Amino acid sequence: MTTTTTFDALGYFEKLKAVGVPEEQAKLQANAFRETREAVEEKLVTKAELAIQLKELEVRILRWMVGGFMTQTALLMAVLALMR
């Protein structure tokens, strides 16, 4: 569910040629830039995806906290019962 943008490799290639970059080098550079950009975009997440991941982590942390508080309360009550 990542958002992809398009890269105008041909336009980039033409701009490189216009400033004097040899055609073969401009072609290789444009393709390398396009491939690198595509690889990076595959690893990006949207704000919505990040929000879902954070919400899941929040729920897991709250479960651990509630479980810990319940365990501490039970241990404290057990210790107080033994002290009587």
Protein backbone atom coordinates (compact mmCIF):
# COMPACT_ATOMS: atom_id res chain seq x y z
CA MET A 1 0.00 0.00 0.00
CA THR A 2 2.90 2.33 -0.64
CA THR A 3 2.48 5.41 -2.75
CA THR A 4 4.65 5.43 -5.84
CA THR A 5 5.67 8.35 -7.96
CA THR A 6 6.81 8.21 -11.54
CA PHE A 7 10.28 9.21 -12.61
CA ASP A 8 10.76 10.70 -16.07
CA ALA A 9 13.91 8.82 -17.08
CA LEU A 10 13.68 10.08 -20.64
CA GLY A 11 13.40 13.70 -19.50
CA TYR A 12 16.34 13.23 -17.14
CA PHE A 13 18.33 11.61 -19.96
CA GLU A 14 17.57 14.53 -22.29
CA LYS A 15 18.57 17.09 -19.67
CA LEU A 16 21.89 15.29 -19.13
CA LYS A 17 22.54 15.25 -22.87
CA ALA A 18 21.64 18.95 -23.10
CA VAL A 19 24.40 19.87 -20.65
CA GLY A 20 26.99 17.84 -22.50
CA VAL A 21 26.95 14.42 -20.84
CA PRO A 22 27.79 11.73 -23.43
CA GLU A 23 24.69 9.81 -24.60
CA GLU A 24 25.77 6.39 -23.26
CA GLN A 25 26.70 7.84 -19.87
CA ALA A 26 23.44 9.81 -19.70
CA LYS A 27 21.46 6.65 -20.51
CA LEU A 28 23.26 4.63 -17.82
CA GLN A 29 22.87 7.38 -15.26
CA ALA A 30 19.15 7.83 -15.95
CA ASN A 31 18.51 4.08 -15.67
CA ALA A 32 20.59 3.77 -12.50
CA PHE A 33 18.73 6.67 -10.90
CA ARG A 34 15.36 5.16 -11.87
CA GLU A 35 16.30 1.73 -10.47
CA THR A 36 17.61 3.23 -7.24
CA ARG A 37 14.49 5.30 -6.80
CA GLU A 38 12.23 2.27 -7.37
CA ALA A 39 14.21 0.23 -4.83
CA VAL A 40 13.88 2.97 -2.21
CA GLU A 41 10.16 3.44 -2.84
CA GLU A 42 9.55 -0.28 -2.22
CA LYS A 43 10.78 0.17 1.34
CA LEU A 44 8.79 3.32 2.14
CA VAL A 45 5.54 3.21 4.08
CA THR A 46 2.66 5.64 4.05
CA LYS A 47 1.49 7.62 7.05
CA ALA A 48 -1.59 5.39 7.26
CA GLU A 49 0.53 2.22 7.37
CA LEU A 50 2.76 3.74 10.03
CA ALA A 51 -0.27 4.78 12.09
CA ILE A 52 -1.60 1.21 12.01
CA GLN A 53 1.80 -0.19 13.11
CA LEU A 54 1.98 2.35 15.94
CA LYS A 55 -1.56 1.56 17.09
CA GLU A 56 -0.70 -2.16 17.21
CA LEU A 57 2.40 -1.43 19.28
CA GLU A 58 0.40 0.79 21.60
CA VAL A 59 -2.09 -2.01 22.24
CA ARG A 60 0.70 -4.52 22.92
CA ILE A 61 2.42 -2.16 25.36
CA LEU A 62 -0.84 -1.48 27.20
CA ARG A 63 -1.48 -5.22 27.52
CA TRP A 64 1.96 -5.74 29.03
CA MET A 65 1.48 -2.81 31.42
CA VAL A 66 -1.93 -4.00 32.61
CA GLY A 67 -0.58 -7.52 33.04
CA GLY A 68 2.36 -6.20 35.03
CA PHE A 69 0.15 -4.08 37.29
CA MET A 70 -2.15 -7.04 37.93
CA THR A 71 0.82 -9.26 38.77
CA GLN A 72 2.27 -6.67 41.14
CA THR A 73 -1.08 -6.23 42.85
CA ALA A 74 -1.50 -9.99 43.28
CA LEU A 75 2.02 -10.33 44.71
CA LEU A 76 1.48 -7.41 47.08
CA MET A 77 -1.81 -8.90 48.30
CA ALA A 78 -0.14 -12.28 48.80
CA VAL A 79 2.69 -10.73 50.81
CA LEU A 80 0.23 -8.75 52.95
CA ALA A 81 -1.84 -11.91 53.54
CA LEU A 82 1.26 -13.79 54.67
CA MET A 83 2.24 -11.00 57.05
CA ARG A 84 -1.04 -11.34 59.05
